[in-house]
Amino acid sequence: MFELLMKIVLSHLLGDFVLQTNAMVSDIDRNRWQSKQLYFHGLIHLSLLLLITKFEKQYIFAVVLLAVVHLLIDIFTKIIIKNKLSSINNLLLDQLLHAFSIALFVRYYYNYKIDFDQLLSEKNYLLLIALISVTYVASILMKKVLELFNYTLPNGGINEAGKYIGMLERLFVFTFVVMSFWEGIGFLLAAKSIFRFGDLKENKEIRLTEYILIGTLLSFGLAILIGQLYLEFKKSTN
């Protein structure tokens, strides 16, 4: 089962991300139903699926059906609801539908079952709590703490970029803590310092330097704390 799944996923990734060019996407967006690239894209997926399953008779009907479903999903996400969702949400929905169709394809040949007891285990609940805490909860907490300093950041940056940079930063730190890769935290801190050095030098404002330093240390500190708490609580779930 796993081998078949990997083959189908590989063909999907090749067709959707490697062999689908920007020109093809633009043509589909511009010509919609009349786009030849839309149907060529479907043909590419069919060819990849046939090749990767070695044209074996037991797979041919299901492969053709999967390729047709892939085309229908693309028509739905890239044409019908194209302007009703943001670009990232459209992509996520598109890939989620493709993943569901691939899961059904594999299940046709292998009657696997999802172990919900394992999926909804204490360990996974704990991990989910930790991830939400290190991203959204920590972000709101930091915002409230930094508001105490009554400092307004200079304009010119991307809207809410700092929020998402902080989330990614804390996710990296959390991962390094869980992996006991403390050197990674030092590397991340050094890299951020280098990128921020130019901004601080250009602004020549002590308050901005202090604000960024407090925010950085608070962000790293929270991520380390949550990471350590996660490891401690994880021991009790074993």
Protein backbone atom coordinates (compact mmCIF):
# COMPACT_ATOMS: atom_id res chain seq x y z
CA MET A 1 0.00 0.00 0.00
CA PHE A 2 2.70 2.47 0.98
CA GLU A 3 4.57 1.96 -2.28
CA LEU A 4 1.45 2.66 -4.34
CA LEU A 5 0.70 5.75 -2.26
CA MET A 6 4.23 7.10 -2.75
CA LYS A 7 4.03 6.52 -6.50
CA ILE A 8 0.74 8.39 -6.85
CA VAL A 9 1.90 11.25 -4.62
CA LEU A 10 5.14 11.52 -6.60
CA SER A 11 3.27 11.74 -9.91
CA HIS A 12 0.96 14.38 -8.41
CA LEU A 13 3.85 16.52 -7.17
CA LEU A 14 5.63 16.26 -10.51
CA GLY A 15 2.50 17.19 -12.45
CA ASP A 16 1.27 20.00 -10.21
CA PHE A 17 4.52 21.63 -9.06
CA VAL A 18 7.35 20.64 -11.40
CA LEU A 19 5.81 20.32 -14.86
CA GLN A 20 3.11 22.98 -14.48
CA THR A 21 4.76 26.22 -15.60
CA ASN A 22 3.77 29.82 -14.85
CA ALA A 23 2.82 30.19 -18.51
CA MET A 24 0.37 27.30 -18.18
CA VAL A 25 -1.18 28.79 -15.04
CA SER A 26 -1.51 32.21 -16.72
CA ASP A 27 -3.13 30.69 -19.79
CA ILE A 28 -5.68 28.82 -17.65
CA ASP A 29 -6.41 31.98 -15.68
CA ARG A 30 -6.85 33.98 -18.88
CA ASN A 31 -8.75 31.57 -21.13
CA ARG A 32 -10.53 29.53 -18.46
CA TRP A 33 -12.56 26.67 -20.05
CA GLN A 34 -11.07 27.31 -23.48
CA SER A 35 -7.50 26.99 -22.28
CA LYS A 36 -5.64 24.21 -24.08
CA GLN A 37 -3.12 24.23 -21.23
CA LEU A 38 -5.82 23.14 -18.79
CA TYR A 39 -6.44 19.91 -20.70
CA PHE A 40 -2.74 19.49 -21.45
CA HIS A 41 -2.14 19.65 -17.70
CA GLY A 42 -4.68 16.87 -17.22
CA LEU A 43 -2.98 14.83 -19.94
CA ILE A 44 0.37 15.26 -18.18
CA HIS A 45 -1.10 13.84 -14.98
CA LEU A 46 -2.61 10.90 -16.85
CA SER A 47 0.70 10.15 -18.55
CA LEU A 48 2.63 10.33 -15.28
CA LEU A 49 0.15 8.05 -13.52
CA LEU A 50 0.29 5.50 -16.32
CA LEU A 51 4.07 5.58 -16.40
CA ILE A 52 4.53 5.30 -12.66
CA THR A 53 2.08 2.37 -12.43
CA LYS A 54 3.84 0.78 -15.43
CA PHE A 55 0.62 0.52 -17.46
CA GLU A 56 -0.48 -2.42 -15.31
CA LYS A 57 -4.01 -3.51 -16.22
CA GLN A 58 -5.25 -3.52 -12.65
CA TYR A 59 -4.54 0.20 -12.34
CA ILE A 60 -5.49 1.59 -15.77
CA PHE A 61 -9.22 2.24 -15.15
CA ALA A 62 -8.64 3.79 -11.72
CA VAL A 63 -5.72 5.86 -13.07
CA VAL A 64 -7.85 7.30 -15.89
CA LEU A 65 -10.61 8.07 -13.39
CA LEU A 66 -8.13 9.75 -11.02
CA ALA A 67 -6.78 11.90 -13.87
CA VAL A 68 -10.33 12.96 -14.81
CA VAL A 69 -11.09 13.79 -11.18
CA HIS A 70 -7.86 15.81 -11.03
CA LEU A 71 -9.00 17.81 -14.06
CA LEU A 72 -12.44 18.42 -12.52
CA ILE A 73 -10.86 19.59 -9.26
CA ASP A 74 -8.64 22.01 -11.20
CA ILE A 75 -11.66 23.35 -13.09
CA PHE A 76 -13.47 23.87 -9.79
CA THR A 77 -10.58 25.59 -7.97
CA LYS A 78 -8.89 27.42 -10.85
CA ILE A 79 -11.98 28.59 -12.73
CA ILE A 80 -15.27 28.28 -10.83
CA ILE A 81 -14.16 29.59 -7.42
CA LYS A 82 -10.94 31.29 -8.53
CA ASN A 83 -12.00 34.79 -7.42
CA LYS A 84 -13.97 33.72 -4.36
CA LEU A 85 -10.98 32.71 -2.24
CA SER A 86 -7.57 34.17 -1.55
CA SER A 87 -4.69 32.67 -3.50
CA ILE A 88 -3.34 30.66 -0.55
CA ASN A 89 -6.78 29.38 0.50
CA ASN A 90 -7.48 28.36 -3.08
CA LEU A 91 -4.20 26.44 -3.23
CA LEU A 92 -4.88 24.72 0.10
CA LEU A 93 -8.39 23.69 -0.96
CA ASP A 94 -7.07 22.47 -4.32
CA GLN A 95 -4.41 20.28 -2.72
CA LEU A 96 -6.79 19.04 -0.02
CA LEU A 97 -9.24 17.83 -2.67
CA HIS A 98 -6.42 16.17 -4.61
CA ALA A 99 -5.19 14.47 -1.42
CA PHE A 100 -8.71 13.17 -0.76
CA SER A 101 -8.99 11.77 -4.29
CA ILE A 102 -5.60 10.06 -3.94
CA ALA A 103 -6.69 8.56 -0.60
CA LEU A 104 -9.81 7.14 -2.27
CA PHE A 105 -7.68 5.77 -5.11
CA VAL A 106 -5.40 3.89 -2.72
CA ARG A 107 -8.34 2.68 -0.64
CA TYR A 108 -9.85 1.10 -3.76
CA TYR A 109 -6.91 -1.32 -3.79
CA TYR A 110 -6.11 -1.49 -0.08
CA ASN A 111 -8.94 -1.36 2.45
CA TYR A 112 -6.99 0.58 5.07
CA LYS A 113 -8.55 2.18 8.14
CA ILE A 114 -7.63 5.37 9.96
CA ASP A 115 -6.79 4.74 13.60
CA PHE A 116 -8.59 7.66 15.24
CA ASP A 117 -7.52 6.53 18.70
CA GLN A 118 -3.92 7.00 17.62
CA LEU A 119 -4.66 10.18 15.73
CA LEU A 120 -6.51 11.75 18.67
CA SER A 121 -4.02 10.57 21.27
CA GLU A 122 -2.78 12.52 24.29
CA LYS A 123 0.57 13.12 22.58
CA ASN A 124 -1.05 14.73 19.56
CA TYR A 125 -3.33 16.87 21.73
CA LEU A 126 -0.30 18.01 23.70
CA LEU A 127 1.63 18.83 20.51
CA LEU A 128 -1.31 20.80 19.13
CA ILE A 129 -1.60 22.79 22.37
CA ALA A 130 2.12 23.54 22.26
CA LEU A 131 2.00 24.67 18.61
CA ILE A 132 -0.97 26.98 19.19
CA SER A 133 0.71 28.37 22.31
CA VAL A 134 4.03 29.04 20.58
CA THR A 135 2.37 30.80 17.64
CA TYR A 136 -0.94 32.56 18.33
CA VAL A 137 -0.95 32.67 22.14
CA ALA A 138 2.65 33.87 22.35
CA SER A 139 1.98 36.46 19.61
CA ILE A 140 -0.91 38.03 21.55
CA LEU A 141 1.01 37.87 24.83
CA MET A 142 4.01 39.62 23.26
CA LYS A 143 1.79 42.29 21.75
CA LYS A 144 0.31 43.09 25.16
CA VAL A 145 3.71 43.19 26.86
CA LEU A 146 5.29 45.42 24.19
CA GLU A 147 2.34 47.80 24.36
CA LEU A 148 3.51 48.67 27.87
CA PHE A 149 6.51 50.44 26.37
CA ASN A 150 4.27 52.79 24.37
CA TYR A 151 6.54 52.76 21.30
CA THR A 152 5.28 53.05 17.71
CA LEU A 153 7.32 51.23 15.10
CA PRO A 154 8.41 53.18 11.98
CA ASN A 155 6.13 52.74 8.96
CA GLY A 156 7.13 51.15 5.67
CA GLY A 157 7.03 47.43 6.42
CA ILE A 158 4.61 44.78 5.20
CA ASN A 159 1.34 44.73 7.13
CA GLU A 160 1.56 42.26 10.07
CA ALA A 161 4.85 40.88 8.73
CA GLY A 162 6.40 41.09 12.22
CA LYS A 163 3.62 38.91 13.62
CA TYR A 164 4.19 36.09 11.15
CA ILE A 165 7.97 36.40 11.29
CA GLY A 166 7.69 35.98 15.06
CA MET A 167 5.48 32.91 14.67
CA LEU A 168 7.93 31.27 12.29
CA GLU A 169 10.83 32.25 14.52
CA ARG A 170 9.23 30.65 17.59
CA LEU A 171 8.30 27.53 15.62
CA PHE A 172 11.96 27.12 14.67
CA VAL A 173 13.08 27.64 18.27
CA PHE A 174 10.42 25.24 19.57
CA THR A 175 11.57 22.59 17.06
CA PHE A 176 15.22 23.09 18.05
CA VAL A 177 14.33 22.70 21.75
CA VAL A 178 12.33 19.50 21.13
CA MET A 179 15.23 18.13 19.06
CA SER A 180 17.77 19.26 21.69
CA PHE A 181 19.52 21.18 18.92
CA TRP A 182 20.49 24.23 20.97
CA GLU A 183 23.11 25.29 18.43
CA GLY A 184 20.27 25.99 16.01
CA ILE A 185 18.83 28.59 18.37
CA GLY A 186 22.18 30.38 18.49
CA PHE A 187 22.43 30.30 14.70
CA LEU A 188 18.88 31.66 14.34
CA LEU A 189 19.57 34.46 16.82
CA ALA A 190 22.79 35.38 15.02
CA ALA A 191 21.09 35.37 11.62
CA LYS A 192 18.29 37.62 12.87
CA SER A 193 20.83 40.01 14.40
CA ILE A 194 22.64 40.32 11.06
CA PHE A 195 19.43 41.07 9.15
CA ARG A 196 18.28 43.58 11.76
CA PHE A 197 21.65 45.31 12.00
CA GLY A 198 21.08 47.29 8.80
CA ASP A 199 17.70 48.60 9.98
CA LEU A 200 19.05 49.61 13.35
CA LYS A 201 22.10 51.30 11.86
CA GLU A 202 19.98 53.23 9.36
CA ASN A 203 17.45 54.46 11.93
CA LYS A 204 20.08 55.33 14.56
CA GLU A 205 17.42 55.23 17.28
CA ILE A 206 18.18 53.70 20.64
CA ARG A 207 14.51 53.14 21.45
CA LEU A 208 14.03 51.05 18.31
CA THR A 209 17.09 48.96 19.17
CA GLU A 210 15.81 48.38 22.68
CA TYR A 211 12.30 47.56 21.42
CA ILE A 212 13.60 44.95 18.94
CA LEU A 213 15.96 43.47 21.54
CA ILE A 214 13.16 43.10 24.09
CA GLY A 215 10.85 41.58 21.48
CA THR A 216 13.51 39.13 20.29
CA LEU A 217 14.48 37.96 23.77
CA LEU A 218 10.83 37.66 24.79
CA SER A 219 10.00 35.69 21.64
CA PHE A 220 12.94 33.30 22.05
CA GLY A 221 12.27 32.97 25.79
CA LEU A 222 8.62 32.04 25.32
CA ALA A 223 9.47 29.50 22.62
CA ILE A 224 12.12 27.88 24.82
CA LEU A 225 9.76 27.83 27.81
CA ILE A 226 6.93 26.26 25.82
CA GLY A 227 9.35 23.75 24.31
CA GLN A 228 10.63 22.70 27.73
CA LEU A 229 7.10 22.46 29.16
CA TYR A 230 6.08 20.33 26.17
CA LEU A 231 8.96 17.93 26.80
CA GLU A 232 8.10 17.67 30.51
CA PHE A 233 4.40 17.00 29.92
CA LYS A 234 5.25 14.58 27.13
CA LYS A 235 7.04 12.36 29.62
CA SER A 236 3.80 11.87 31.56
CA THR A 237 2.02 10.63 28.40
CA ASN A 238 4.46 7.77 27.86
